[in-house]
């Protein structure tokens, strides 16, 4: 059995994948961990990622999904491929910070804290600022307000949205949180045993909120761990200046809204808090 199964989903992000994998194997350079890395390709190698792997990272397991089957569905295939003591859901636009020993330290943390089912480190933007990588659960109207940018026009809505995005938290302590963004999710196998994998009815977006909520419901804590750090080139592809018109002009916005509706149909309109 592997110590860690890392699963990365690629959709036309060859250059990001190369940077990400370079940082992963640099992080593992002085480690005795037995790790398998799966690269799940949702873009049928149009970006040449398969060739790049063969040339630079032959140890990575490449799987062509035959098209874009969605984030959660693709992750599920990779997560089920190999049994491991722990699993890492990793985005291709993540880069490990040199010298952090993120993977060894994360396994050590999980070993010492068996109550934690899902964990993630402090995340930095490309410019070095702290990214809002953990959130409180939201209700339907919080999401509507953010979608139409009411927080830019009203102090009342700004306060509500700031709270659910945890802007009131300085990110300098380790705390239990409602959910973590899916760019880096370190997961104990018991979570999958108890709740299953990603709900693949979400093509993209909200599958991370959903997984964390199901983990909490099953008794597994979700934790933000502040003393480890990664970089994430996060961008909101579904966000546009004119949020309403983007429904008609931006395919990613439509995907986001579909997942949004599926989430609220599944969980209802009210929020439920588990963490800080």
C-alpha atoms as a PDB file:
ATOM      1  CA  UNK A   1       0.000   0.000   0.000  1.00  0.00           C
ATOM      2  CA  UNK A   2       1.177   3.512  -0.794  1.00  0.00           C
ATOM      3  CA  UNK A   3       1.641   6.152   1.875  1.00  0.00           C
ATOM      4  CA  UNK A   4      -0.003   8.716  -0.389  1.00  0.00           C
ATOM      5  CA  UNK A   5      -2.027   8.761  -3.599  1.00  0.00           C
ATOM      6  CA  UNK A   6      -1.866  12.191  -5.266  1.00  0.00           C
ATOM      7  CA  UNK A   7      -4.464  12.919  -7.943  1.00  0.00           C
ATOM      8  CA  UNK A   8      -4.225  15.898 -10.311  1.00  0.00           C
ATOM      9  CA  UNK A   9      -6.829  16.705 -12.975  1.00  0.00           C
ATOM     10  CA  UNK A  10      -5.535  18.389 -16.128  1.00  0.00           C
ATOM     11  CA  UNK A  11      -7.609  20.413 -18.559  1.00  0.00           C
ATOM     12  CA  UNK A  12      -5.271  22.185 -20.969  1.00  0.00           C
ATOM     13  CA  UNK A  13      -2.887  23.220 -18.173  1.00  0.00           C
ATOM     14  CA  UNK A  14       0.335  21.528 -19.283  1.00  0.00           C
ATOM     15  CA  UNK A  15       2.646  24.326 -18.095  1.00  0.00           C
ATOM     16  CA  UNK A  16       0.974  24.477 -14.689  1.00  0.00           C
ATOM     17  CA  UNK A  17       1.212  20.687 -14.387  1.00  0.00           C
ATOM     18  CA  UNK A  18       4.951  20.815 -15.045  1.00  0.00           C
ATOM     19  CA  UNK A  19       5.534  23.462 -12.370  1.00  0.00           C
ATOM     20  CA  UNK A  20       3.273  21.639  -9.918  1.00  0.00           C
ATOM     21  CA  UNK A  21       4.958  18.263 -10.396  1.00  0.00           C
ATOM     22  CA  UNK A  22       8.429  19.785 -10.165  1.00  0.00           C
ATOM     23  CA  UNK A  23       7.484  21.195  -6.774  1.00  0.00           C
ATOM     24  CA  UNK A  24       5.882  17.909  -5.644  1.00  0.00           C
ATOM     25  CA  UNK A  25       8.973  15.847  -6.399  1.00  0.00           C
ATOM     26  CA  UNK A  26      11.227  18.536  -4.920  1.00  0.00           C
ATOM     27  CA  UNK A  27       9.154  18.281  -1.738  1.00  0.00           C
ATOM     28  CA  UNK A  28       9.655  14.490  -1.777  1.00  0.00           C
ATOM     29  CA  UNK A  29      13.381  14.610  -2.589  1.00  0.00           C
ATOM     30  CA  UNK A  30      14.568  13.764   0.939  1.00  0.00           C
ATOM     31  CA  UNK A  31      11.540  11.708   1.906  1.00  0.00           C
ATOM     32  CA  UNK A  32      11.066   7.977   2.355  1.00  0.00           C
ATOM     33  CA  UNK A  33       7.357   8.212   1.563  1.00  0.00           C
ATOM     34  CA  UNK A  34       5.974   5.717  -0.934  1.00  0.00           C
ATOM     35  CA  UNK A  35       3.910   7.965  -3.204  1.00  0.00           C
ATOM     36  CA  UNK A  36       1.968   7.433  -6.426  1.00  0.00           C
ATOM     37  CA  UNK A  37       0.895  10.380  -8.580  1.00  0.00           C
ATOM     38  CA  UNK A  38      -2.020  10.113 -11.018  1.00  0.00           C
ATOM     39  CA  UNK A  39      -2.444  12.702 -13.762  1.00  0.00           C
ATOM     40  CA  UNK A  40      -6.031  12.556 -14.979  1.00  0.00           C
ATOM     41  CA  UNK A  41      -6.262  14.149 -18.424  1.00  0.00           C
ATOM     42  CA  UNK A  42      -9.617  15.686 -19.315  1.00  0.00           C
ATOM     43  CA  UNK A  43      -8.286  17.326 -22.483  1.00  0.00           C
ATOM     44  CA  UNK A  44      -7.227  14.288 -24.544  1.00  0.00           C
ATOM     45  CA  UNK A  45      -3.584  15.424 -24.621  1.00  0.00           C
ATOM     46  CA  UNK A  46      -4.303  18.460 -26.818  1.00  0.00           C
ATOM     47  CA  UNK A  47      -1.771  20.403 -24.746  1.00  0.00           C
ATOM     48  CA  UNK A  48       0.899  17.705 -25.025  1.00  0.00           C
ATOM     49  CA  UNK A  49       0.846  16.925 -21.304  1.00  0.00           C
ATOM     50  CA  UNK A  50       1.317  13.194 -21.944  1.00  0.00           C
ATOM     51  CA  UNK A  51       4.509  13.841 -23.899  1.00  0.00           C
ATOM     52  CA  UNK A  52       5.807  16.178 -21.206  1.00  0.00           C
ATOM     53  CA  UNK A  53       5.209  13.523 -18.541  1.00  0.00           C
ATOM     54  CA  UNK A  54       6.992  10.844 -20.560  1.00  0.00           C
ATOM     55  CA  UNK A  55       9.976  13.152 -20.944  1.00  0.00           C
ATOM     56  CA  UNK A  56      10.212  14.696 -17.467  1.00  0.00           C
ATOM     57  CA  UNK A  57       8.079  12.692 -15.043  1.00  0.00           C
ATOM     58  CA  UNK A  58       7.896   9.066 -16.245  1.00  0.00           C
ATOM     59  CA  UNK A  59       6.977   7.937 -12.720  1.00  0.00           C
ATOM     60  CA  UNK A  60       3.608   9.717 -12.986  1.00  0.00           C
ATOM     61  CA  UNK A  61       0.650   7.535 -13.976  1.00  0.00           C
ATOM     62  CA  UNK A  62      -1.099   9.162 -16.951  1.00  0.00           C
ATOM     63  CA  UNK A  63      -4.795   8.402 -17.508  1.00  0.00           C
ATOM     64  CA  UNK A  64      -6.680   9.781 -20.514  1.00  0.00           C
ATOM     65  CA  UNK A  65     -10.365  10.174 -19.656  1.00  0.00           C
ATOM     66  CA  UNK A  66     -11.323  10.518 -23.321  1.00  0.00           C
ATOM     67  CA  UNK A  67     -12.717  14.011 -22.867  1.00  0.00           C
ATOM     68  CA  UNK A  68     -13.759  16.433 -20.172  1.00  0.00           C
ATOM     69  CA  UNK A  69     -15.778  14.310 -17.756  1.00  0.00           C
ATOM     70  CA  UNK A  70     -15.717  16.920 -14.990  1.00  0.00           C
ATOM     71  CA  UNK A  71     -13.501  17.527 -11.983  1.00  0.00           C
ATOM     72  CA  UNK A  72     -15.131  15.280  -9.405  1.00  0.00           C
ATOM     73  CA  UNK A  73     -15.685  12.347 -11.748  1.00  0.00           C
ATOM     74  CA  UNK A  74     -12.064  12.512 -12.886  1.00  0.00           C
ATOM     75  CA  UNK A  75     -10.754  12.770  -9.332  1.00  0.00           C
ATOM     76  CA  UNK A  76     -12.829   9.757  -8.319  1.00  0.00           C
ATOM     77  CA  UNK A  77     -11.189   7.566 -10.963  1.00  0.00           C
ATOM     78  CA  UNK A  78      -7.713   8.480  -9.740  1.00  0.00           C
ATOM     79  CA  UNK A  79      -8.591   8.214  -6.056  1.00  0.00           C
ATOM     80  CA  UNK A  80      -9.917   4.693  -6.568  1.00  0.00           C
ATOM     81  CA  UNK A  81      -6.935   3.526  -8.648  1.00  0.00           C
ATOM     82  CA  UNK A  82      -4.611   2.796  -5.731  1.00  0.00           C
ATOM     83  CA  UNK A  83      -5.163   2.252  -2.028  1.00  0.00           C
ATOM     84  CA  UNK A  84      -3.122   4.490   0.243  1.00  0.00           C
ATOM     85  CA  UNK A  85      -2.824   5.602   3.848  1.00  0.00           C
ATOM     86  CA  UNK A  86      -3.765   9.102   2.702  1.00  0.00           C
ATOM     87  CA  UNK A  87      -5.021  10.838  -0.428  1.00  0.00           C
ATOM     88  CA  UNK A  88      -4.257  14.257  -1.850  1.00  0.00           C
ATOM     89  CA  UNK A  89      -6.615  16.069  -4.204  1.00  0.00           C
ATOM     90  CA  UNK A  90      -4.313  18.577  -5.891  1.00  0.00           C
ATOM     91  CA  UNK A  91      -4.916  21.261  -8.503  1.00  0.00           C
ATOM     92  CA  UNK A  92      -2.344  21.696 -11.281  1.00  0.00           C
ATOM     93  CA  UNK A  93      -1.964  25.406 -10.479  1.00  0.00           C
ATOM     94  CA  UNK A  94      -0.594  24.654  -7.008  1.00  0.00           C
ATOM     95  CA  UNK A  95       3.114  24.940  -6.231  1.00  0.00           C
ATOM     96  CA  UNK A  96       4.722  23.624  -3.059  1.00  0.00           C
ATOM     97  CA  UNK A  97       6.950  26.105  -1.258  1.00  0.00           C
ATOM     98  CA  UNK A  98      10.558  24.979  -1.195  1.00  0.00           C
ATOM     99  CA  UNK A  99      11.747  23.766   2.199  1.00  0.00           C
ATOM    100  CA  UNK A 100       8.269  23.330   3.703  1.00  0.00           C
ATOM    101  CA  UNK A 101       8.281  19.499   3.482  1.00  0.00           C
ATOM    102  CA  UNK A 102       4.539  19.774   3.057  1.00  0.00           C
ATOM    103  CA  UNK A 103       3.739  16.123   2.382  1.00  0.00           C
ATOM    104  CA  UNK A 104       5.779  14.611   5.209  1.00  0.00           C
ATOM    105  CA  UNK A 105       4.555  17.245   7.636  1.00  0.00           C
ATOM    106  CA  UNK A 106       0.947  16.799   6.555  1.00  0.00           C
ATOM    107  CA  UNK A 107       1.106  13.036   7.087  1.00  0.00           C
ATOM    108  CA  UNK A 108       2.725  13.611  10.483  1.00  0.00           C
ATOM    109  CA  UNK A 109      -0.065  16.025  11.388  1.00  0.00           C
ATOM    110  CA  UNK A 110      -2.786  13.584  10.335  1.00  0.00           C
ATOM    111  CA  UNK A 111      -1.122  10.781  12.312  1.00  0.00           C
ATOM    112  CA  UNK A 112      -1.103  12.962  15.415  1.00  0.00           C
ATOM    113  CA  UNK A 113      -4.697  14.162  14.916  1.00  0.00           C
ATOM    114  CA  UNK A 114      -6.856  11.140  14.043  1.00  0.00           C
ATOM    115  CA  UNK A 115     -10.061  13.137  14.467  1.00  0.00           C
ATOM    116  CA  UNK A 116      -9.239  15.123  11.309  1.00  0.00           C
ATOM    117  CA  UNK A 117     -10.686  13.699   8.098  1.00  0.00           C
ATOM    118  CA  UNK A 118      -9.758  16.479   5.653  1.00  0.00           C
ATOM    119  CA  UNK A 119      -7.000  19.063   6.021  1.00  0.00           C
ATOM    120  CA  UNK A 120      -5.327  21.793   4.003  1.00  0.00           C
ATOM    121  CA  UNK A 121      -2.426  24.196   4.594  1.00  0.00           C
ATOM    122  CA  UNK A 122      -2.219  27.962   4.494  1.00  0.00           C
ATOM    123  CA  UNK A 123      -2.430  29.040   0.864  1.00  0.00           C
ATOM    124  CA  UNK A 124      -0.716  32.026  -0.728  1.00  0.00           C
ATOM    125  CA  UNK A 125      -1.569  33.877  -3.914  1.00  0.00           C
ATOM    126  CA  UNK A 126       1.104  34.336  -6.564  1.00  0.00           C
ATOM    127  CA  UNK A 127       1.843  37.810  -5.154  1.00  0.00           C
ATOM    128  CA  UNK A 128       2.495  36.416  -1.676  1.00  0.00           C
ATOM    129  CA  UNK A 129      -0.756  37.527  -0.057  1.00  0.00           C
ATOM    130  CA  UNK A 130      -2.780  35.003   1.916  1.00  0.00           C
ATOM    131  CA  UNK A 131      -5.540  33.359  -0.101  1.00  0.00           C
ATOM    132  CA  UNK A 132      -9.027  32.836   1.310  1.00  0.00           C
ATOM    133  CA  UNK A 133      -8.803  29.048   1.121  1.00  0.00           C
ATOM    134  CA  UNK A 134     -11.266  28.161   3.881  1.00  0.00           C
ATOM    135  CA  UNK A 135     -14.857  29.277   4.269  1.00  0.00           C
ATOM    136  CA  UNK A 136     -17.960  29.061   6.368  1.00  0.00           C
ATOM    137  CA  UNK A 137     -21.026  27.446   4.910  1.00  0.00           C
ATOM    138  CA  UNK A 138     -23.317  29.873   3.125  1.00  0.00           C
ATOM    139  CA  UNK A 139     -27.028  30.153   2.496  1.00  0.00           C
ATOM    140  CA  UNK A 140     -28.713  30.725  -0.840  1.00  0.00           C
ATOM    141  CA  UNK A 141     -28.923  34.491  -0.425  1.00  0.00           C
ATOM    142  CA  UNK A 142     -25.220  34.837   0.433  1.00  0.00           C
ATOM    143  CA  UNK A 143     -24.426  33.281  -2.922  1.00  0.00           C
ATOM    144  CA  UNK A 144     -26.924  35.477  -4.768  1.00  0.00           C
ATOM    145  CA  UNK A 145     -25.439  38.585  -3.141  1.00  0.00           C
ATOM    146  CA  UNK A 146     -21.922  37.591  -4.146  1.00  0.00           C
ATOM    147  CA  UNK A 147     -22.951  36.653  -7.677  1.00  0.00           C
ATOM    148  CA  UNK A 148     -24.478  40.084  -8.346  1.00  0.00           C
ATOM    149  CA  UNK A 149     -21.705  41.855  -6.376  1.00  0.00           C
ATOM    150  CA  UNK A 150     -23.960  43.380  -3.715  1.00  0.00           C
ATOM    151  CA  UNK A 151     -20.957  43.417  -1.388  1.00  0.00           C
ATOM    152  CA  UNK A 152     -19.512  46.198  -3.548  1.00  0.00           C
ATOM    153  CA  UNK A 153     -22.613  48.346  -3.018  1.00  0.00           C
ATOM    154  CA  UNK A 154     -23.792  47.612   0.514  1.00  0.00           C
ATOM    155  CA  UNK A 155     -21.985  47.436   3.877  1.00  0.00           C
ATOM    156  CA  UNK A 156     -24.624  44.976   5.085  1.00  0.00           C
ATOM    157  CA  UNK A 157     -23.928  42.491   2.312  1.00  0.00           C
ATOM    158  CA  UNK A 158     -20.183  43.109   2.490  1.00  0.00           C
ATOM    159  CA  UNK A 159     -20.231  42.101   6.152  1.00  0.00           C
ATOM    160  CA  UNK A 160     -22.229  38.942   5.420  1.00  0.00           C
ATOM    161  CA  UNK A 161     -19.995  37.897   2.522  1.00  0.00           C
ATOM    162  CA  UNK A 162     -16.822  38.752   4.424  1.00  0.00           C
ATOM    163  CA  UNK A 163     -18.023  36.464   7.192  1.00  0.00           C
ATOM    164  CA  UNK A 164     -18.692  33.467   4.967  1.00  0.00           C
ATOM    165  CA  UNK A 165     -15.373  33.977   3.135  1.00  0.00           C
ATOM    166  CA  UNK A 166     -13.703  34.188   6.593  1.00  0.00           C
ATOM    167  CA  UNK A 167     -12.130  37.563   5.939  1.00  0.00           C
ATOM    168  CA  UNK A 168     -12.535  38.131   9.702  1.00  0.00           C
ATOM    169  CA  UNK A 169     -10.008  35.321  10.304  1.00  0.00           C
ATOM    170  CA  UNK A 170      -6.305  36.202  10.044  1.00  0.00           C
ATOM    171  CA  UNK A 171      -5.358  32.667   8.882  1.00  0.00           C
ATOM    172  CA  UNK A 172      -2.565  32.504  11.460  1.00  0.00           C
ATOM    173  CA  UNK A 173      -3.992  29.732  13.612  1.00  0.00           C
ATOM    174  CA  UNK A 174      -5.041  26.147  13.042  1.00  0.00           C
ATOM    175  CA  UNK A 175      -8.830  25.831  13.249  1.00  0.00           C
ATOM    176  CA  UNK A 176     -11.704  23.604  12.244  1.00  0.00           C
ATOM    177  CA  UNK A 177     -13.627  25.122   9.340  1.00  0.00           C
ATOM    178  CA  UNK A 178     -16.819  24.349   7.467  1.00  0.00           C
ATOM    179  CA  UNK A 179     -15.035  23.703   4.188  1.00  0.00           C
ATOM    180  CA  UNK A 180     -11.762  24.031   2.297  1.00  0.00           C
ATOM    181  CA  UNK A 181     -11.315  24.891  -1.372  1.00  0.00           C
ATOM    182  CA  UNK A 182     -10.493  21.897  -3.543  1.00  0.00           C
ATOM    183  CA  UNK A 183      -7.054  23.008  -4.716  1.00  0.00           C
ATOM    184  CA  UNK A 184      -5.409  20.975  -1.930  1.00  0.00           C
ATOM    185  CA  UNK A 185      -7.383  18.464   0.133  1.00  0.00           C
ATOM    186  CA  UNK A 186      -5.452  15.961   2.257  1.00  0.00           C
ATOM    187  CA  UNK A 187      -7.929  13.191   2.994  1.00  0.00           C
ATOM    188  CA  UNK A 188      -8.006  10.189   5.300  1.00  0.00           C
ATOM    189  CA  UNK A 189      -9.295   6.987   3.616  1.00  0.00           C
ATOM    190  CA  UNK A 190     -11.944   6.566   6.302  1.00  0.00           C
ATOM    191  CA  UNK A 191     -13.685   9.617   4.863  1.00  0.00           C
ATOM    192  CA  UNK A 192     -14.207   7.857   1.530  1.00  0.00           C
ATOM    193  CA  UNK A 193     -15.203   4.675   3.348  1.00  0.00           C
ATOM    194  CA  UNK A 194     -17.899   6.489   5.296  1.00  0.00           C
ATOM    195  CA  UNK A 195     -19.299   8.957   2.745  1.00  0.00           C
ATOM    196  CA  UNK A 196     -18.070   7.856  -0.674  1.00  0.00           C
ATOM    197  CA  UNK A 197     -16.123  10.043  -3.068  1.00  0.00           C
ATOM    198  CA  UNK A 198     -16.901  13.333  -4.815  1.00  0.00           C
ATOM    199  CA  UNK A 199     -20.518  13.717  -5.889  1.00  0.00           C
ATOM    200  CA  UNK A 200     -19.992  13.692  -9.654  1.00  0.00           C
ATOM    201  CA  UNK A 201     -23.340  15.353 -10.300  1.00  0.00           C
ATOM    202  CA  UNK A 202     -21.315  18.539  -9.884  1.00  0.00           C
ATOM    203  CA  UNK A 203     -19.412  18.857 -13.158  1.00  0.00           C
ATOM    204  CA  UNK A 204     -17.220  21.533 -11.605  1.00  0.00           C
ATOM    205  CA  UNK A 205     -17.563  23.787  -8.532  1.00  0.00           C
ATOM    206  CA  UNK A 206     -19.217  23.073  -5.161  1.00  0.00           C
ATOM    207  CA  UNK A 207     -17.932  19.494  -5.038  1.00  0.00           C
ATOM    208  CA  UNK A 208     -15.407  20.596  -2.393  1.00  0.00           C
ATOM    209  CA  UNK A 209     -18.110  22.255  -0.240  1.00  0.00           C
ATOM    210  CA  UNK A 210     -20.243  19.154  -0.610  1.00  0.00           C
ATOM    211  CA  UNK A 211     -17.460  16.705   0.300  1.00  0.00           C
ATOM    212  CA  UNK A 212     -16.492  18.680   3.395  1.00  0.00           C
ATOM    213  CA  UNK A 213     -20.096  18.962   4.530  1.00  0.00           C
ATOM    214  CA  UNK A 214     -20.631  15.220   4.151  1.00  0.00           C
ATOM    215  CA  UNK A 215     -17.393  14.587   6.056  1.00  0.00           C
ATOM    216  CA  UNK A 216     -18.603  16.729   8.955  1.00  0.00           C
ATOM    217  CA  UNK A 217     -21.997  14.999   8.934  1.00  0.00           C
ATOM    218  CA  UNK A 218     -20.191  11.639   9.238  1.00  0.00           C
ATOM    219  CA  UNK A 219     -18.079  12.804  12.186  1.00  0.00           C
ATOM    220  CA  UNK A 220     -14.821  13.718  10.405  1.00  0.00           C
ATOM    221  CA  UNK A 221     -13.362  17.133  11.193  1.00  0.00           C
ATOM    222  CA  UNK A 222     -12.257  19.501   8.438  1.00  0.00           C
ATOM    223  CA  UNK A 223      -9.224  21.540   9.455  1.00  0.00           C
ATOM    224  CA  UNK A 224      -7.191  24.485   8.199  1.00  0.00           C
ATOM    225  CA  UNK A 225      -3.550  23.975   9.259  1.00  0.00           C
ATOM    226  CA  UNK A 226      -1.717  27.291   9.334  1.00  0.00           C
ATOM    227  CA  UNK A 227       1.915  26.230   9.819  1.00  0.00           C
ATOM    228  CA  UNK A 228       2.311  24.679   6.355  1.00  0.00           C
ATOM    229  CA  UNK A 229       2.176  26.694   3.132  1.00  0.00           C
ATOM    230  CA  UNK A 230       1.556  26.313  -0.600  1.00  0.00           C
ATOM    231  CA  UNK A 231       1.076  28.710  -3.517  1.00  0.00           C
ATOM    232  CA  UNK A 232      -2.069  28.652  -5.641  1.00  0.00           C
ATOM    233  CA  UNK A 233      -2.648  30.684  -8.814  1.00  0.00           C
ATOM    234  CA  UNK A 234      -6.343  30.943  -8.055  1.00  0.00           C
ATOM    235  CA  UNK A 235      -8.632  32.742 -10.464  1.00  0.00           C
ATOM    236  CA  UNK A 236     -12.418  32.843 -10.574  1.00  0.00           C
ATOM    237  CA  UNK A 237     -13.170  31.924 -14.177  1.00  0.00           C
ATOM    238  CA  UNK A 238     -16.882  32.155 -13.445  1.00  0.00           C
ATOM    239  CA  UNK A 239     -16.663  35.784 -12.287  1.00  0.00           C
ATOM    240  CA  UNK A 240     -17.183  38.684 -14.671  1.00  0.00           C
ATOM    241  CA  UNK A 241     -17.806  42.393 -14.230  1.00  0.00           C
ATOM    242  CA  UNK A 242     -21.407  42.002 -15.376  1.00  0.00           C
ATOM    243  CA  UNK A 243     -22.437  38.911 -13.471  1.00  0.00           C
ATOM    244  CA  UNK A 244     -25.921  38.627 -14.971  1.00  0.00           C
ATOM    245  CA  UNK A 245     -24.915  38.964 -18.612  1.00  0.00           C
ATOM    246  CA  UNK A 246     -22.105  36.446 -18.083  1.00  0.00           C
ATOM    247  CA  UNK A 247     -24.768  33.746 -17.780  1.00  0.00           C
ATOM    248  CA  UNK A 248     -25.231  34.130 -21.531  1.00  0.00           C
ATOM    249  CA  UNK A 249     -21.622  34.816 -22.517  1.00  0.00           C
ATOM    250  CA  UNK A 250     -19.524  32.650 -20.193  1.00  0.00           C
ATOM    251  CA  UNK A 251     -19.855  28.854 -20.279  1.00  0.00           C
ATOM    252  CA  UNK A 252     -17.967  28.506 -16.998  1.00  0.00           C
ATOM    253  CA  UNK A 253     -20.487  30.816 -15.311  1.00  0.00           C
ATOM    254  CA  UNK A 254     -23.297  28.557 -16.480  1.00  0.00           C
ATOM    255  CA  UNK A 255     -21.492  25.496 -15.118  1.00  0.00           C
ATOM    256  CA  UNK A 256     -21.005  27.314 -11.807  1.00  0.00           C
ATOM    257  CA  UNK A 257     -24.694  28.205 -11.593  1.00  0.00           C
ATOM    258  CA  UNK A 258     -25.785  24.647 -12.384  1.00  0.00           C
ATOM    259  CA  UNK A 259     -23.586  23.305  -9.586  1.00  0.00           C
ATOM    260  CA  UNK A 260     -24.837  26.063  -7.288  1.00  0.00           C
ATOM    261  CA  UNK A 261     -28.448  25.011  -7.866  1.00  0.00           C
ATOM    262  CA  UNK A 262     -27.595  21.328  -7.396  1.00  0.00           C
ATOM    263  CA  UNK A 263     -25.939  22.153  -4.086  1.00  0.00           C
ATOM    264  CA  UNK A 264     -28.983  23.971  -2.716  1.00  0.00           C
ATOM    265  CA  UNK A 265     -31.408  21.352  -4.022  1.00  0.00           C
ATOM    266  CA  UNK A 266     -29.346  18.779  -2.132  1.00  0.00           C
ATOM    267  CA  UNK A 267     -28.723  20.678   1.106  1.00  0.00           C
ATOM    268  CA  UNK A 268     -31.535  23.225   1.290  1.00  0.00           C
ATOM    269  CA  UNK A 269     -31.392  27.008   1.503  1.00  0.00           C
ATOM    270  CA  UNK A 270     -30.179  27.400   5.097  1.00  0.00           C
ATOM    271  CA  UNK A 271     -26.560  27.334   6.244  1.00  0.00           C
ATOM    272  CA  UNK A 272     -25.207  24.965   8.879  1.00  0.00           C
ATOM    273  CA  UNK A 273     -21.947  25.651  10.686  1.00  0.00           C
ATOM    274  CA  UNK A 274     -19.494  23.056  11.967  1.00  0.00           C
ATOM    275  CA  UNK A 275     -16.194  24.923  12.339  1.00  0.00           C
ATOM    276  CA  UNK A 276     -14.918  28.344  13.445  1.00  0.00           C
END
